[in-house]
Amino acid sequence: MGLTPKAISVLKCGIHLLGAALFGWIILAVQQDYFGADAAKELIKYCGRTALEFLFFTLLISPLAQWTRTPTLIRVRRLVGLWCFFWACLHLLAFAALELGGDLSLLLGEVVKRPYMLLGSLSWLLLLALAVTSNRWSQQRLGRGWASLHQAVYVVAVLAPIHYLWSVKAITAKPVLYLTVAALLLLWRWYRYVQYRSVHGEVRSR
């Protein structure tokens, strides 16, 4: 069973609407002073959390496609990944503008001084590589290397939640929850990989 092209288009429109609505909410929240006295830090955290949520959504698509037996669901994964990168860029830009006063030359110093910034920067660079090569042309040009490169999403799924937990400098519910979700998704991926190796290893040994 699979989704029709029309259903895929509707789903993609829904994802675009979700991403746009979340962005619109930021504008409204800033105007209404929703983020409170420390609005800059809260805005930076909000963008980062939203990027993480889209990342988790990306990782969840594959198990959902298998559980629901709708392999065509995979067709929306690229779009969700691009929205993840969009919010990661907003997170970085908000930090640069609100914490560094727009002076990007200070960013390198922050990365050196704050190890959690290093994890965040590595995550962003990996997402940049994934976003730039997410098109069909790159897939054809890179061949087998394309799949290997896009396994880096699992590295981001490790680094980004740790970056978040480390950045708040305290063990609180939200960072722990995000780290737990990441761990569960990665454990599922590891389980599927072990299953795959077991089945294909048995086939080759016959």
C-alpha atoms as a PDB file:
ATOM      1  CA  MET A   1       0.000   0.000   0.000  1.00  0.00           C
ATOM      2  CA  GLY A   2       1.256   3.482  -0.815  1.00  0.00           C
ATOM      3  CA  LEU A   3       0.200   7.088  -0.862  1.00  0.00           C
ATOM      4  CA  THR A   4      -1.007   8.492  -4.158  1.00  0.00           C
ATOM      5  CA  PRO A   5       0.904  11.394  -5.764  1.00  0.00           C
ATOM      6  CA  LYS A   6      -1.993  13.663  -4.796  1.00  0.00           C
ATOM      7  CA  ALA A   7      -1.807  12.534  -1.164  1.00  0.00           C
ATOM      8  CA  ILE A   8       1.957  13.136  -1.148  1.00  0.00           C
ATOM      9  CA  SER A   9       1.395  16.653  -2.517  1.00  0.00           C
ATOM     10  CA  VAL A  10      -1.212  17.375   0.156  1.00  0.00           C
ATOM     11  CA  LEU A  11       1.135  16.071   2.864  1.00  0.00           C
ATOM     12  CA  LYS A  12       3.964  18.251   1.572  1.00  0.00           C
ATOM     13  CA  CYS A  13       1.681  21.286   1.600  1.00  0.00           C
ATOM     14  CA  GLY A  14       0.795  20.462   5.207  1.00  0.00           C
ATOM     15  CA  ILE A  15       4.488  20.314   6.147  1.00  0.00           C
ATOM     16  CA  HIS A  16       5.100  23.695   4.490  1.00  0.00           C
ATOM     17  CA  LEU A  17       2.122  25.160   6.332  1.00  0.00           C
ATOM     18  CA  LEU A  18       3.398  23.789   9.638  1.00  0.00           C
ATOM     19  CA  GLY A  19       6.866  25.263   9.134  1.00  0.00           C
ATOM     20  CA  ALA A  20       5.443  28.616   8.024  1.00  0.00           C
ATOM     21  CA  ALA A  21       2.952  28.704  10.902  1.00  0.00           C
ATOM     22  CA  LEU A  22       5.718  28.115  13.441  1.00  0.00           C
ATOM     23  CA  PHE A  23       7.709  30.948  11.896  1.00  0.00           C
ATOM     24  CA  GLY A  24       4.654  33.206  11.950  1.00  0.00           C
ATOM     25  CA  TRP A  25       4.137  32.345  15.597  1.00  0.00           C
ATOM     26  CA  ILE A  26       7.643  33.641  16.392  1.00  0.00           C
ATOM     27  CA  ILE A  27       6.799  37.024  14.907  1.00  0.00           C
ATOM     28  CA  LEU A  28       3.575  37.180  16.910  1.00  0.00           C
ATOM     29  CA  ALA A  29       5.292  35.996  20.094  1.00  0.00           C
ATOM     30  CA  VAL A  30       7.963  38.693  19.827  1.00  0.00           C
ATOM     31  CA  GLN A  31       5.318  41.374  19.250  1.00  0.00           C
ATOM     32  CA  GLN A  32       3.298  40.164  22.242  1.00  0.00           C
ATOM     33  CA  ASP A  33       6.404  39.878  24.449  1.00  0.00           C
ATOM     34  CA  TYR A  34       5.662  36.181  24.965  1.00  0.00           C
ATOM     35  CA  PHE A  35       9.328  35.289  25.553  1.00  0.00           C
ATOM     36  CA  GLY A  36       9.493  37.492  28.618  1.00  0.00           C
ATOM     37  CA  ALA A  37      12.407  39.449  30.080  1.00  0.00           C
ATOM     38  CA  ASP A  38      15.120  37.222  28.593  1.00  0.00           C
ATOM     39  CA  ALA A  39      13.536  37.184  25.149  1.00  0.00           C
ATOM     40  CA  ALA A  40      16.791  36.789  23.213  1.00  0.00           C
ATOM     41  CA  LYS A  41      17.813  33.537  24.891  1.00  0.00           C
ATOM     42  CA  GLU A  42      14.296  32.136  24.775  1.00  0.00           C
ATOM     43  CA  LEU A  43      14.015  32.904  21.060  1.00  0.00           C
ATOM     44  CA  ILE A  44      17.351  31.210  20.373  1.00  0.00           C
ATOM     45  CA  LYS A  45      16.229  28.137  22.348  1.00  0.00           C
ATOM     46  CA  TYR A  46      12.871  28.039  20.591  1.00  0.00           C
ATOM     47  CA  CYS A  47      14.518  27.970  17.148  1.00  0.00           C
ATOM     48  CA  GLY A  48      16.907  25.259  18.294  1.00  0.00           C
ATOM     49  CA  ARG A  49      14.142  23.112  19.745  1.00  0.00           C
ATOM     50  CA  THR A  50      12.087  23.459  16.577  1.00  0.00           C
ATOM     51  CA  ALA A  51      15.079  22.345  14.513  1.00  0.00           C
ATOM     52  CA  LEU A  52      15.397  19.306  16.781  1.00  0.00           C
ATOM     53  CA  GLU A  53      11.702  18.511  16.405  1.00  0.00           C
ATOM     54  CA  PHE A  54      11.951  18.558  12.618  1.00  0.00           C
ATOM     55  CA  LEU A  55      15.068  16.372  12.907  1.00  0.00           C
ATOM     56  CA  PHE A  56      13.125  13.844  14.985  1.00  0.00           C
ATOM     57  CA  PHE A  57      10.269  14.009  12.493  1.00  0.00           C
ATOM     58  CA  THR A  58      12.782  13.204   9.737  1.00  0.00           C
ATOM     59  CA  LEU A  59      14.075  10.170  11.637  1.00  0.00           C
ATOM     60  CA  LEU A  60      10.531   9.033  12.431  1.00  0.00           C
ATOM     61  CA  ILE A  61       9.416   8.886   8.796  1.00  0.00           C
ATOM     62  CA  SER A  62      11.224   5.639   8.018  1.00  0.00           C
ATOM     63  CA  PRO A  63       9.724   3.643  10.936  1.00  0.00           C
ATOM     64  CA  LEU A  64       6.300   5.147  10.201  1.00  0.00           C
ATOM     65  CA  ALA A  65       6.590   4.071   6.571  1.00  0.00           C
ATOM     66  CA  GLN A  66       7.382   0.518   7.688  1.00  0.00           C
ATOM     67  CA  TRP A  67       4.767   0.296  10.446  1.00  0.00           C
ATOM     68  CA  THR A  68       2.008   1.647   8.203  1.00  0.00           C
ATOM     69  CA  ARG A  69       3.296  -0.192   5.117  1.00  0.00           C
ATOM     70  CA  THR A  70       3.338   3.006   3.094  1.00  0.00           C
ATOM     71  CA  PRO A  71       6.827   3.137   1.571  1.00  0.00           C
ATOM     72  CA  THR A  72       5.949   6.235  -0.473  1.00  0.00           C
ATOM     73  CA  LEU A  73       5.882   8.200   2.790  1.00  0.00           C
ATOM     74  CA  ILE A  74       9.664   8.384   2.380  1.00  0.00           C
ATOM     75  CA  ARG A  75       9.093  10.992  -0.346  1.00  0.00           C
ATOM     76  CA  VAL A  76       8.404  13.686   2.241  1.00  0.00           C
ATOM     77  CA  ARG A  77      11.585  13.037   4.225  1.00  0.00           C
ATOM     78  CA  ARG A  78      13.711  15.419   2.156  1.00  0.00           C
ATOM     79  CA  LEU A  79      11.250  18.256   2.709  1.00  0.00           C
ATOM     80  CA  VAL A  80      11.158  17.706   6.468  1.00  0.00           C
ATOM     81  CA  GLY A  81      14.956  17.615   6.502  1.00  0.00           C
ATOM     82  CA  LEU A  82      15.111  20.951   4.681  1.00  0.00           C
ATOM     83  CA  TRP A  83      12.773  22.504   7.247  1.00  0.00           C
ATOM     84  CA  CYS A  84      15.071  21.131   9.950  1.00  0.00           C
ATOM     85  CA  PHE A  85      17.984  22.934   8.288  1.00  0.00           C
ATOM     86  CA  PHE A  86      15.905  26.113   7.960  1.00  0.00           C
ATOM     87  CA  TRP A  87      15.250  26.187  11.704  1.00  0.00           C
ATOM     88  CA  ALA A  88      18.872  25.314  12.464  1.00  0.00           C
ATOM     89  CA  CYS A  89      19.861  28.356  10.372  1.00  0.00           C
ATOM     90  CA  LEU A  90      17.396  30.528  12.291  1.00  0.00           C
ATOM     91  CA  HIS A  91      18.873  29.212  15.540  1.00  0.00           C
ATOM     92  CA  LEU A  92      22.382  30.148  14.404  1.00  0.00           C
ATOM     93  CA  LEU A  93      21.335  33.540  13.036  1.00  0.00           C
ATOM     94  CA  ALA A  94      19.412  34.382  16.210  1.00  0.00           C
ATOM     95  CA  PHE A  95      22.470  33.530  18.287  1.00  0.00           C
ATOM     96  CA  ALA A  96      24.763  35.564  16.044  1.00  0.00           C
ATOM     97  CA  ALA A  97      22.427  38.569  15.990  1.00  0.00           C
ATOM     98  CA  LEU A  98      21.182  38.583  19.575  1.00  0.00           C
ATOM     99  CA  GLU A  99      24.127  37.179  21.515  1.00  0.00           C
ATOM    100  CA  LEU A 100      27.050  38.370  19.373  1.00  0.00           C
ATOM    101  CA  GLY A 101      25.519  41.624  18.164  1.00  0.00           C
ATOM    102  CA  GLY A 102      25.817  40.514  14.542  1.00  0.00           C
ATOM    103  CA  ASP A 103      29.619  40.214  14.736  1.00  0.00           C
ATOM    104  CA  LEU A 104      30.241  36.839  13.105  1.00  0.00           C
ATOM    105  CA  SER A 105      33.984  37.172  13.745  1.00  0.00           C
ATOM    106  CA  LEU A 106      33.203  36.437  17.404  1.00  0.00           C
ATOM    107  CA  LEU A 107      31.642  33.088  16.508  1.00  0.00           C
ATOM    108  CA  LEU A 108      34.947  31.222  16.253  1.00  0.00           C
ATOM    109  CA  GLY A 109      35.963  32.496  19.678  1.00  0.00           C
ATOM    110  CA  GLU A 110      32.659  31.298  21.124  1.00  0.00           C
ATOM    111  CA  VAL A 111      33.200  27.853  19.608  1.00  0.00           C
ATOM    112  CA  VAL A 112      36.639  27.654  21.232  1.00  0.00           C
ATOM    113  CA  LYS A 113      35.448  28.930  24.627  1.00  0.00           C
ATOM    114  CA  ARG A 114      32.227  26.937  24.834  1.00  0.00           C
ATOM    115  CA  PRO A 115      32.483  23.231  23.934  1.00  0.00           C
ATOM    116  CA  TYR A 116      28.719  22.928  23.486  1.00  0.00           C
ATOM    117  CA  MET A 117      29.051  25.511  20.717  1.00  0.00           C
ATOM    118  CA  LEU A 118      31.449  23.162  18.959  1.00  0.00           C
ATOM    119  CA  LEU A 119      28.812  20.423  18.967  1.00  0.00           C
ATOM    120  CA  GLY A 120      26.200  22.845  17.664  1.00  0.00           C
ATOM    121  CA  SER A 121      28.523  24.109  14.918  1.00  0.00           C
ATOM    122  CA  LEU A 122      29.375  20.571  13.811  1.00  0.00           C
ATOM    123  CA  SER A 123      25.676  19.720  13.728  1.00  0.00           C
ATOM    124  CA  TRP A 124      24.941  22.756  11.566  1.00  0.00           C
ATOM    125  CA  LEU A 125      27.785  21.986   9.156  1.00  0.00           C
ATOM    126  CA  LEU A 126      26.560  18.422   8.744  1.00  0.00           C
ATOM    127  CA  LEU A 127      23.008  19.638   8.138  1.00  0.00           C
ATOM    128  CA  LEU A 128      24.393  22.075   5.559  1.00  0.00           C
ATOM    129  CA  ALA A 129      26.106  19.209   3.729  1.00  0.00           C
ATOM    130  CA  LEU A 130      22.903  17.153   3.829  1.00  0.00           C
ATOM    131  CA  ALA A 131      20.750  20.051   2.600  1.00  0.00           C
ATOM    132  CA  VAL A 132      23.088  20.945  -0.270  1.00  0.00           C
ATOM    133  CA  THR A 133      23.253  17.320  -1.453  1.00  0.00           C
ATOM    134  CA  SER A 134      19.589  16.462  -0.904  1.00  0.00           C
ATOM    135  CA  ASN A 135      18.720  16.874  -4.597  1.00  0.00           C
ATOM    136  CA  ARG A 136      18.577  14.171  -7.258  1.00  0.00           C
ATOM    137  CA  TRP A 137      21.554  15.628  -9.147  1.00  0.00           C
ATOM    138  CA  SER A 138      23.819  15.210  -6.109  1.00  0.00           C
ATOM    139  CA  GLN A 139      22.505  11.695  -5.558  1.00  0.00           C
ATOM    140  CA  GLN A 140      23.453  10.738  -9.115  1.00  0.00           C
ATOM    141  CA  ARG A 141      26.842  12.451  -8.957  1.00  0.00           C
ATOM    142  CA  LEU A 142      27.855  10.956  -5.607  1.00  0.00           C
ATOM    143  CA  GLY A 143      26.569   7.455  -6.346  1.00  0.00           C
ATOM    144  CA  ARG A 144      27.065   5.100  -3.425  1.00  0.00           C
ATOM    145  CA  GLY A 145      28.796   7.832  -1.474  1.00  0.00           C
ATOM    146  CA  TRP A 146      25.523   9.745  -1.266  1.00  0.00           C
ATOM    147  CA  ALA A 147      23.924   7.179   1.042  1.00  0.00           C
ATOM    148  CA  SER A 148      27.046   7.122   3.226  1.00  0.00           C
ATOM    149  CA  LEU A 149      27.046  10.910   3.479  1.00  0.00           C
ATOM    150  CA  HIS A 150      23.395  11.016   4.477  1.00  0.00           C
ATOM    151  CA  GLN A 151      24.030   8.607   7.318  1.00  0.00           C
ATOM    152  CA  ALA A 152      25.465  11.720   8.976  1.00  0.00           C
ATOM    153  CA  VAL A 153      21.919  12.572  10.050  1.00  0.00           C
ATOM    154  CA  TYR A 154      22.425  10.028  12.843  1.00  0.00           C
ATOM    155  CA  VAL A 155      25.566  11.872  13.964  1.00  0.00           C
ATOM    156  CA  VAL A 156      23.499  15.066  14.145  1.00  0.00           C
ATOM    157  CA  ALA A 157      20.873  13.164  16.144  1.00  0.00           C
ATOM    158  CA  VAL A 158      23.598  12.489  18.738  1.00  0.00           C
ATOM    159  CA  LEU A 159      25.369  15.855  18.733  1.00  0.00           C
ATOM    160  CA  ALA A 160      22.389  18.228  18.618  1.00  0.00           C
ATOM    161  CA  PRO A 161      20.501  16.986  21.721  1.00  0.00           C
ATOM    162  CA  ILE A 162      23.769  16.938  23.697  1.00  0.00           C
ATOM    163  CA  HIS A 163      24.422  20.493  22.489  1.00  0.00           C
ATOM    164  CA  TYR A 164      21.003  21.495  23.814  1.00  0.00           C
ATOM    165  CA  LEU A 165      21.433  19.747  27.172  1.00  0.00           C
ATOM    166  CA  TRP A 166      24.923  21.181  27.629  1.00  0.00           C
ATOM    167  CA  SER A 167      23.847  24.704  26.647  1.00  0.00           C
ATOM    168  CA  VAL A 168      21.246  25.047  29.402  1.00  0.00           C
ATOM    169  CA  LYS A 169      23.894  24.253  32.044  1.00  0.00           C
ATOM    170  CA  ALA A 170      21.361  22.368  34.167  1.00  0.00           C
ATOM    171  CA  ILE A 171      19.466  19.092  34.068  1.00  0.00           C
ATOM    172  CA  THR A 172      15.916  20.147  33.227  1.00  0.00           C
ATOM    173  CA  ALA A 173      12.949  18.300  31.763  1.00  0.00           C
ATOM    174  CA  LYS A 174      12.999  19.565  28.171  1.00  0.00           C
ATOM    175  CA  PRO A 175      16.634  18.801  27.276  1.00  0.00           C
ATOM    176  CA  VAL A 176      16.360  15.377  28.909  1.00  0.00           C
ATOM    177  CA  LEU A 177      13.156  14.667  26.981  1.00  0.00           C
ATOM    178  CA  TYR A 178      14.761  15.621  23.663  1.00  0.00           C
ATOM    179  CA  LEU A 179      17.818  13.505  24.450  1.00  0.00           C
ATOM    180  CA  THR A 180      15.560  10.555  25.323  1.00  0.00           C
ATOM    181  CA  VAL A 181      13.605  10.850  22.075  1.00  0.00           C
ATOM    182  CA  ALA A 182      16.874  10.950  20.113  1.00  0.00           C
ATOM    183  CA  ALA A 183      18.146   7.870  21.954  1.00  0.00           C
ATOM    184  CA  LEU A 184      14.944   5.914  21.226  1.00  0.00           C
ATOM    185  CA  LEU A 185      15.051   6.778  17.519  1.00  0.00           C
ATOM    186  CA  LEU A 186      18.712   5.817  17.287  1.00  0.00           C
ATOM    187  CA  LEU A 187      18.106   2.555  19.160  1.00  0.00           C
ATOM    188  CA  TRP A 188      15.373   1.706  16.682  1.00  0.00           C
ATOM    189  CA  ARG A 189      17.763   2.404  13.782  1.00  0.00           C
ATOM    190  CA  TRP A 190      20.450   0.260  15.391  1.00  0.00           C
ATOM    191  CA  TYR A 191      17.936  -2.572  15.895  1.00  0.00           C
ATOM    192  CA  ARG A 192      16.900  -2.418  12.230  1.00  0.00           C
ATOM    193  CA  TYR A 193      20.554  -2.401  11.174  1.00  0.00           C
ATOM    194  CA  VAL A 194      21.296  -5.507  13.282  1.00  0.00           C
ATOM    195  CA  GLN A 195      18.251  -7.226  11.762  1.00  0.00           C
ATOM    196  CA  TYR A 196      19.387  -6.326   8.255  1.00  0.00           C
ATOM    197  CA  ARG A 197      22.917  -7.602   8.858  1.00  0.00           C
ATOM    198  CA  SER A 198      21.593 -10.799  10.394  1.00  0.00           C
ATOM    199  CA  VAL A 199      19.280 -11.589   7.477  1.00  0.00           C
ATOM    200  CA  HIS A 200      21.714 -10.651   4.730  1.00  0.00           C
ATOM    201  CA  GLY A 201      24.607 -12.308   6.525  1.00  0.00           C
ATOM    202  CA  GLU A 202      22.664 -15.576   6.621  1.00  0.00           C
ATOM    203  CA  VAL A 203      21.828 -15.273   2.919  1.00  0.00           C
ATOM    204  CA  ARG A 204      25.484 -14.767   1.947  1.00  0.00           C
ATOM    205  CA  SER A 205      26.611 -17.702   4.099  1.00  0.00           C
ATOM    206  CA  ARG A 206      24.346 -20.177   2.264  1.00  0.00           C
END
